[in-house]
PDB file of N, CA and C in Angstrom:
ATOM      1  N   MET A   1     122.779 107.960  83.017  1.00  0.00           N
ATOM      2  CA  MET A   1     123.678 107.129  83.903  1.00  0.00           C
ATOM      3  C   MET A   1     124.770 106.755  83.587  1.00  0.00           C
ATOM      4  N   PRO A   2     125.630 106.915  84.348  1.00  0.00           N
ATOM      5  CA  PRO A   2     127.673 106.878  83.375  1.00  0.00           C
ATOM      6  C   PRO A   2     127.267 104.907  83.971  1.00  0.00           C
ATOM      7  N   THR A   3     127.835 104.954  82.219  1.00  0.00           N
ATOM      8  CA  THR A   3     128.193 103.686  82.443  1.00  0.00           C
ATOM      9  C   THR A   3     130.222 103.273  82.711  1.00  0.00           C
ATOM     10  N   ILE A   4     130.471 102.512  83.921  1.00  0.00           N
ATOM     11  CA  ILE A   4     131.672 102.390  84.270  1.00  0.00           C
ATOM     12  C   ILE A   4     132.258 100.826  83.849  1.00  0.00           C
ATOM     13  N   ASP A   5     133.289 100.918  83.320  1.00  0.00           N
ATOM     14  CA  ASP A   5     134.057  99.209  83.027  1.00  0.00           C
ATOM     15  C   ASP A   5     134.304  98.578  84.569  1.00  0.00           C
ATOM     16  N   ILE A   6     133.871  97.617  84.437  1.00  0.00           N
ATOM     17  CA  ILE A   6     134.224  96.420  85.538  1.00  0.00           C
ATOM     18  C   ILE A   6     135.510  97.209  86.247  1.00  0.00           C
ATOM     19  N   ASN A   7     136.881  96.804  84.874  1.00  0.00           N
ATOM     20  CA  ASN A   7     138.293  97.153  85.642  1.00  0.00           C
ATOM     21  C   ASN A   7     138.168  98.471  86.460  1.00  0.00           C
ATOM     22  N   ASP A   8     137.485  99.611  86.095  1.00  0.00           N
ATOM     23  CA  ASP A   8     137.526 100.932  86.250  1.00  0.00           C
ATOM     24  C   ASP A   8     136.903 100.598  87.786  1.00  0.00           C
ATOM     25  N   ALA A   9     135.746 100.477  87.539  1.00  0.00           N
ATOM     26  CA  ALA A   9     134.942 100.152  89.333  1.00  0.00           C
ATOM     27  C   ALA A   9     135.811  99.481  90.187  1.00  0.00           C
ATOM     28  N   LYS A  10     136.404  98.468  90.087  1.00  0.00           N
ATOM     29  CA  LYS A  10     137.137  98.107  91.188  1.00  0.00           C
ATOM     30  C   LYS A  10     138.063  99.308  91.646  1.00  0.00           C
ATOM     31  N   ALA A  11     138.572  99.793  91.457  1.00  0.00           N
ATOM     32  CA  ALA A  11     139.574 100.968  91.546  1.00  0.00           C
ATOM     33  C   ALA A  11     138.895 102.156  92.526  1.00  0.00           C
ATOM     34  N   ARG A  12     137.511 102.108  92.030  1.00  0.00           N
ATOM     35  CA  ARG A  12     136.463 103.267  92.392  1.00  0.00           C
ATOM     36  C   ARG A  12     135.839 102.925  93.298  1.00  0.00           C
ATOM     37  N   LEU A  13     135.336 101.855  93.755  1.00  0.00           N
ATOM     38  CA  LEU A  13     134.130 100.904  93.978  1.00  0.00           C
ATOM     39  C   LEU A  13     133.380 102.324  95.219  1.00  0.00           C
ATOM     40  N   ALA A  14     134.595 102.526  96.444  1.00  0.00           N
ATOM     41  CA  ALA A  14     134.380 103.186  97.864  1.00  0.00           C
ATOM     42  C   ALA A  14     133.091 104.336  97.308  1.00  0.00           C
ATOM     43  N   ALA A  15     133.658 105.362  95.990  1.00  0.00           N
ATOM     44  CA  ALA A  15     132.851 106.488  95.192  1.00  0.00           C
ATOM     45  C   ALA A  15     131.866 105.720  94.795  1.00  0.00           C
ATOM     46  N   LEU A  16     131.483 105.044  93.878  1.00  0.00           N
ATOM     47  CA  LEU A  16     131.215 104.871  93.239  1.00  0.00           C
ATOM     48  C   LEU A  16     129.616 104.404  94.083  1.00  0.00           C
ATOM     49  N   ILE A  17     129.262 103.740  95.685  1.00  0.00           N
ATOM     50  CA  ILE A  17     128.958 103.479  96.573  1.00  0.00           C
ATOM     51  C   ILE A  17     128.816 104.352  97.263  1.00  0.00           C
ATOM     52  N   ASP A  18     129.201 105.429  97.041  1.00  0.00           N
ATOM     53  CA  ASP A  18     128.572 106.816  98.008  1.00  0.00           C
ATOM     54  C   ASP A  18     127.834 107.176  96.894  1.00  0.00           C
ATOM     55  N   ASP A  19     128.069 107.156  95.569  1.00  0.00           N
ATOM     56  CA  ASP A  19     127.072 107.971  94.606  1.00  0.00           C
ATOM     57  C   ASP A  19     125.791 107.143  94.634  1.00  0.00           C
ATOM     58  N   ALA A  20     125.839 105.887  95.100  1.00  0.00           N
ATOM     59  CA  ALA A  20     124.677 104.867  94.651  1.00  0.00           C
ATOM     60  C   ALA A  20     124.132 105.400  95.815  1.00  0.00           C
ATOM     61  N   ALA A  21     124.612 105.716  96.812  1.00  0.00           N
ATOM     62  CA  ALA A  21     123.538 105.758  98.039  1.00  0.00           C
ATOM     63  C   ALA A  21     123.252 107.560  98.080  1.00  0.00           C
ATOM     64  N   ASN A  22     124.270 107.854  97.514  1.00  0.00           N
ATOM     65  CA  ASN A  22     122.842 109.337  96.895  1.00  0.00           C
ATOM     66  C   ASN A  22     122.118 109.621  96.363  1.00  0.00           C
ATOM     67  N   GLY A  23     121.901 108.244  95.054  1.00  0.00           N
ATOM     68  CA  GLY A  23     120.806 108.187  94.702  1.00  0.00           C
ATOM     69  C   GLY A  23     121.092 108.065  92.888  1.00  0.00           C
ATOM     70  N   LYS A  24     122.007 108.088  92.904  1.00  0.00           N
ATOM     71  CA  LYS A  24     122.439 108.238  91.734  1.00  0.00           C
ATOM     72  C   LYS A  24     122.473 106.735  91.409  1.00  0.00           C
ATOM     73  N   GLU A  25     122.685 106.162  89.670  1.00  0.00           N
ATOM     74  CA  GLU A  25     122.620 104.677  89.476  1.00  0.00           C
ATOM     75  C   GLU A  25     124.122 104.577  88.200  1.00  0.00           C
ATOM     76  N   VAL A  26     124.509 103.433  88.404  1.00  0.00           N
ATOM     77  CA  VAL A  26     125.588 103.165  87.923  1.00  0.00           C
ATOM     78  C   VAL A  26     125.493 101.954  86.821  1.00  0.00           C
ATOM     79  N   VAL A  27     125.869 102.193  85.685  1.00  0.00           N
ATOM     80  CA  VAL A  27     125.667 100.776  85.483  1.00  0.00           C
ATOM     81  C   VAL A  27     127.340 100.189  84.875  1.00  0.00           C
ATOM     82  N   LEU A  28     127.939  99.082  85.843  1.00  0.00           N
ATOM     83  CA  LEU A  28     128.819  98.271  85.545  1.00  0.00           C
ATOM     84  C   LEU A  28     128.842  97.699  84.289  1.00  0.00           C
ATOM     85  N   ALA A  29     130.123  97.729  83.473  1.00  0.00           N
ATOM     86  CA  ALA A  29     130.170  97.246  81.641  1.00  0.00           C
ATOM     87  C   ALA A  29     131.015  96.107  81.555  1.00  0.00           C
ATOM     88  N   LYS A  30     131.135  95.222  81.305  1.00  0.00           N
ATOM     89  CA  LYS A  30     132.566  94.192  81.204  1.00  0.00           C
ATOM     90  C   LYS A  30     132.659  93.987  79.297  1.00  0.00           C
ATOM     91  N   ASP A  31     133.192  94.486  78.892  1.00  0.00           N
ATOM     92  CA  ASP A  31     133.937  94.742  77.343  1.00  0.00           C
ATOM     93  C   ASP A  31     133.240  95.334  77.171  1.00  0.00           C
ATOM     94  N   GLY A  32     132.427  96.218  77.146  1.00  0.00           N
ATOM     95  CA  GLY A  32     131.638  97.908  76.932  1.00  0.00           C
ATOM     96  C   GLY A  32     130.145  96.694  76.764  1.00  0.00           C
ATOM     97  N   HIS A  33     129.557  95.633  77.448  1.00  0.00           N
ATOM     98  CA  HIS A  33     128.364  95.633  77.621  1.00  0.00           C
ATOM     99  C   HIS A  33     128.075  95.791  78.737  1.00  0.00           C
ATOM    100  N   PRO A  34     126.688  95.834  79.035  1.00  0.00           N
ATOM    101  CA  PRO A  34     126.455  95.961  80.323  1.00  0.00           C
ATOM    102  C   PRO A  34     126.270  94.805  81.016  1.00  0.00           C
ATOM    103  N   VAL A  35     125.899  94.849  82.202  1.00  0.00           N
ATOM    104  CA  VAL A  35     125.819  93.687  82.954  1.00  0.00           C
ATOM    105  C   VAL A  35     125.668  93.661  84.422  1.00  0.00           C
ATOM    106  N   ALA A  36     125.755  94.836  84.959  1.00  0.00           N
ATOM    107  CA  ALA A  36     125.026  95.229  86.550  1.00  0.00           C
ATOM    108  C   ALA A  36     124.549  96.332  86.984  1.00  0.00           C
ATOM    109  N   GLN A  37     123.534  96.593  87.144  1.00  0.00           N
ATOM    110  CA  GLN A  37     123.226  98.222  87.483  1.00  0.00           C
ATOM    111  C   GLN A  37     123.822  98.130  89.550  1.00  0.00           C
ATOM    112  N   LEU A  38     124.600  99.533  90.108  1.00  0.00           N
ATOM    113  CA  LEU A  38     124.593  99.736  90.827  1.00  0.00           C
ATOM    114  C   LEU A  38     123.492 100.965  91.242  1.00  0.00           C
ATOM    115  N   VAL A  39     122.847 100.655  92.790  1.00  0.00           N
ATOM    116  CA  VAL A  39     122.188 101.667  93.054  1.00  0.00           C
ATOM    117  C   VAL A  39     121.694 101.755  94.600  1.00  0.00           C
ATOM    118  N   ALA A  40     121.087 102.368  94.822  1.00  0.00           N
ATOM    119  CA  ALA A  40     120.994 102.612  96.506  1.00  0.00           C
ATOM    120  C   ALA A  40     119.269 101.635  97.011  1.00  0.00           C
ATOM    121  N   ILE A  41     119.645 100.785  97.881  1.00  0.00           N
ATOM    122  CA  ILE A  41     118.717  99.855  98.661  1.00  0.00           C
ATOM    123  C   ILE A  41     117.996 101.102  99.213  1.00  0.00           C
ATOM    124  N   ALA A  42     116.673 100.814  99.318  1.00  0.00           N
ATOM    125  CA  ALA A  42     115.370 101.649  99.537  1.00  0.00           C
ATOM    126  C   ALA A  42     115.028 101.241 100.978  1.00  0.00           C
ATOM    127  N   LYS A  43     115.529 102.692 102.152  1.00  0.00           N
ATOM    128  CA  LYS A  43     114.948 102.250 103.109  1.00  0.00           C
ATOM    129  C   LYS A  43     113.453 101.348 103.250  1.00  0.00           C
ATOM    130  N   PRO A  44     113.412 100.199 104.164  1.00  0.00           N
ATOM    131  CA  PRO A  44     111.921 100.378 104.384  1.00  0.00           C
ATOM    132  C   PRO A  44     111.451 101.306 105.550  1.00  0.00           C
ATOM    133  N   SER A  45     110.390 101.727 105.686  1.00  0.00           N
ATOM    134  CA  SER A  45     109.643 102.326 106.342  1.00  0.00           C
ATOM    135  C   SER A  45     109.009 101.587 107.766  1.00  0.00           C
ATOM    136  N   THR A  46     109.404 102.004 108.333  1.00  0.00           N
ATOM    137  CA  THR A  46     109.355 101.436 110.206  1.00  0.00           C
ATOM    138  C   THR A  46     108.192 102.488 110.665  1.00  0.00           C
ATOM    139  N   ARG A  47     107.633 102.942 109.614  1.00  0.00           N
ATOM    140  CA  ARG A  47     106.246 103.841 110.545  1.00  0.00           C
ATOM    141  C   ARG A  47     104.776 102.926 110.299  1.00  0.00           C
ATOM    142  N   VAL A  48     104.105 102.866 111.551  1.00  0.00           N
ATOM    143  CA  VAL A  48     102.939 101.728 111.064  1.00  0.00           C
ATOM    144  C   VAL A  48     101.932 102.723 110.851  1.00  0.00           C
ATOM    145  N   LYS A  49     100.892 101.919 110.085  1.00  0.00           N
ATOM    146  CA  LYS A  49      99.990 103.258 109.487  1.00  0.00           C
ATOM    147  C   LYS A  49      98.786 102.063 109.965  1.00  0.00           C
ATOM    148  N   PHE A  50      98.057 102.693 111.034  1.00  0.00           N
ATOM    149  CA  PHE A  50      97.141 102.313 111.808  1.00  0.00           C
ATOM    150  C   PHE A  50      95.520 102.023 111.092  1.00  0.00           C
ATOM    151  N   GLY A  51      94.786 100.924 110.897  1.00  0.00           N
ATOM    152  CA  GLY A  51      93.662 100.572 109.938  1.00  0.00           C
ATOM    153  C   GLY A  51      93.890 100.155 108.609  1.00  0.00           C
ATOM    154  N   THR A  52      95.047  99.839 108.714  1.00  0.00           N
ATOM    155  CA  THR A  52      95.319  98.999 107.148  1.00  0.00           C
ATOM    156  C   THR A  52      95.122  97.788 106.780  1.00  0.00           C
ATOM    157  N   MET A  53      94.437  96.929 108.157  1.00  0.00           N
ATOM    158  CA  MET A  53      93.680  95.798 107.705  1.00  0.00           C
ATOM    159  C   MET A  53      92.324  95.820 108.319  1.00  0.00           C
ATOM    160  N   LYS A  54      92.094  96.701 108.436  1.00  0.00           N
ATOM    161  CA  LYS A  54      90.135  96.892 108.927  1.00  0.00           C
ATOM    162  C   LYS A  54      89.601  95.939 107.458  1.00  0.00           C
ATOM    163  N   GLY A  55      89.000  95.338 107.983  1.00  0.00           N
ATOM    164  CA  GLY A  55      87.870  94.464 106.831  1.00  0.00           C
ATOM    165  C   GLY A  55      88.592  93.191 107.211  1.00  0.00           C
ATOM    166  N   LYS A  56      89.530  92.813 107.061  1.00  0.00           N
ATOM    167  CA  LYS A  56      90.592  91.873 106.431  1.00  0.00           C
ATOM    168  C   LYS A  56      90.851  91.053 108.013  1.00  0.00           C
ATOM    169  N   ILE A  57      91.087  91.299 108.568  1.00  0.00           N
ATOM    170  CA  ILE A  57      91.481  90.624 110.110  1.00  0.00           C
ATOM    171  C   ILE A  57      89.603  90.555 110.882  1.00  0.00           C
ATOM    172  N   TRP A  58      89.497  89.504 111.497  1.00  0.00           N
ATOM    173  CA  TRP A  58      88.506  89.738 112.894  1.00  0.00           C
ATOM    174  C   TRP A  58      88.601  88.892 113.634  1.00  0.00           C
ATOM    175  N   ILE A  59      88.057  88.713 115.379  1.00  0.00           N
ATOM    176  CA  ILE A  59      88.664  87.826 116.209  1.00  0.00           C
ATOM    177  C   ILE A  59      87.356  87.854 116.546  1.00  0.00           C
ATOM    178  N   ALA A  60      87.024  86.614 116.907  1.00  0.00           N
ATOM    179  CA  ALA A  60      86.043  85.282 117.177  1.00  0.00           C
ATOM    180  C   ALA A  60      85.149  85.691 118.665  1.00  0.00           C
ATOM    181  N   ASP A  61      84.052  85.950 118.950  1.00  0.00           N
ATOM    182  CA  ASP A  61      83.613  86.410 120.064  1.00  0.00           C
ATOM    183  C   ASP A  61      83.843  85.581 121.295  1.00  0.00           C
ATOM    184  N   ASP A  62      84.233  84.244 120.849  1.00  0.00           N
ATOM    185  CA  ASP A  62      84.509  83.363 122.265  1.00  0.00           C
ATOM    186  C   ASP A  62      86.162  82.884 121.791  1.00  0.00           C
ATOM    187  N   PHE A  63      87.188  84.048 121.582  1.00  0.00           N
ATOM    188  CA  PHE A  63      88.660  83.919 121.289  1.00  0.00           C
ATOM    189  C   PHE A  63      89.188  83.356 122.414  1.00  0.00           C
ATOM    190  N   ASP A  64      88.534  83.678 123.821  1.00  0.00           N
ATOM    191  CA  ASP A  64      88.977  83.704 124.955  1.00  0.00           C
ATOM    192  C   ASP A  64      88.511  82.724 126.016  1.00  0.00           C
ATOM    193  N   ALA A  65      87.671  81.668 125.276  1.00  0.00           N
ATOM    194  CA  ALA A  65      87.028  80.920 125.945  1.00  0.00           C
ATOM    195  C   ALA A  65      87.485  79.454 126.515  1.00  0.00           C
ATOM    196  N   PRO A  66      87.395  79.075 127.504  1.00  0.00           N
ATOM    197  CA  PRO A  66      88.159  77.866 127.735  1.00  0.00           C
ATOM    198  C   PRO A  66      88.217  76.906 126.339  1.00  0.00           C
ATOM    199  N   LEU A  67      88.993  76.232 126.073  1.00  0.00           N
ATOM    200  CA  LEU A  67      89.385  74.832 125.167  1.00  0.00           C
ATOM    201  C   LEU A  67      88.096  74.057 125.570  1.00  0.00           C
ATOM    202  N   PRO A  68      88.005  73.224 124.885  1.00  0.00           N
ATOM    203  CA  PRO A  68      87.615  71.941 125.092  1.00  0.00           C
ATOM    204  C   PRO A  68      88.157  71.110 125.607  1.00  0.00           C
ATOM    205  N   ASP A  69      87.957  70.162 126.325  1.00  0.00           N
ATOM    206  CA  ASP A  69      88.791  69.854 127.124  1.00  0.00           C
ATOM    207  C   ASP A  69      90.048  68.041 126.292  1.00  0.00           C
ATOM    208  N   ASP A  70      89.104  67.900 125.128  1.00  0.00           N
ATOM    209  CA  ASP A  70      90.331  67.012 124.557  1.00  0.00           C
ATOM    210  C   ASP A  70      91.116  68.025 124.071  1.00  0.00           C
ATOM    211  N   ILE A  71      91.103  68.899 123.007  1.00  0.00           N
ATOM    212  CA  ILE A  71      92.247  70.124 122.760  1.00  0.00           C
ATOM    213  C   ILE A  71      92.804  70.617 123.710  1.00  0.00           C
ATOM    214  N   GLN A  72      92.369  70.859 125.081  1.00  0.00           N
ATOM    215  CA  GLN A  72      93.552  71.053 126.030  1.00  0.00           C
ATOM    216  C   GLN A  72      94.565  70.214 126.506  1.00  0.00           C
ATOM    217  N   ALA A  73      94.305  68.759 126.090  1.00  0.00           N
ATOM    218  CA  ALA A  73      94.859  67.897 126.777  1.00  0.00           C
ATOM    219  C   ALA A  73      95.961  67.561 125.618  1.00  0.00           C
ATOM    220  N   ALA A  74      95.132  68.292 124.414  1.00  0.00           N
ATOM    221  CA  ALA A  74      96.617  67.612 123.108  1.00  0.00           C
ATOM    222  C   ALA A  74      97.355  68.185 123.419  1.00  0.00           C
ATOM    223  N   PHE A  75      97.276  69.824 124.171  1.00  0.00           N
ATOM    224  CA  PHE A  75      98.421  71.080 124.059  1.00  0.00           C
ATOM    225  C   PHE A  75      99.148  71.011 125.391  1.00  0.00           C
ATOM    226  N   GLU A  76      98.570  69.659 126.094  1.00  0.00           N
ATOM    227  CA  GLU A  76      99.275  69.517 127.592  1.00  0.00           C
ATOM    228  C   GLU A  76     100.254  68.145 127.157  1.00  0.00           C
ATOM    229  N   GLY A  77      99.874  67.536 125.678  1.00  0.00           N
ATOM    230  CA  GLY A  77     100.755  66.301 125.492  1.00  0.00           C
ATOM    231  C   GLY A  77     100.497  65.526 126.059  1.00  0.00           C
ATOM    232  N   LYS A  78      98.824  65.122 126.965  1.00  0.00           N
ATOM    233  CA  LYS A  78      98.936  63.746 126.936  1.00  0.00           C
ATOM    234  C   LYS A  78      97.458  63.230 126.772  1.00  0.00           C
TER     235      LYS A  78
END
């Protein structure tokens, strides 16, 4: 993992960002002391894996049954 002084990094920022995007990690140093690390952001997975919530959620048998009159009235602002 290369260590780059902040002053040098200013001039090479675009190249350092490209390096990070390609999986390289760069340590930024100030006065010879490491202060930050430049790494790529992990891409979130957009793939849905079905069945991952099995056994963790359930739907009541009366889920779509009419609400009691007093609760329905509250929803309608009455």
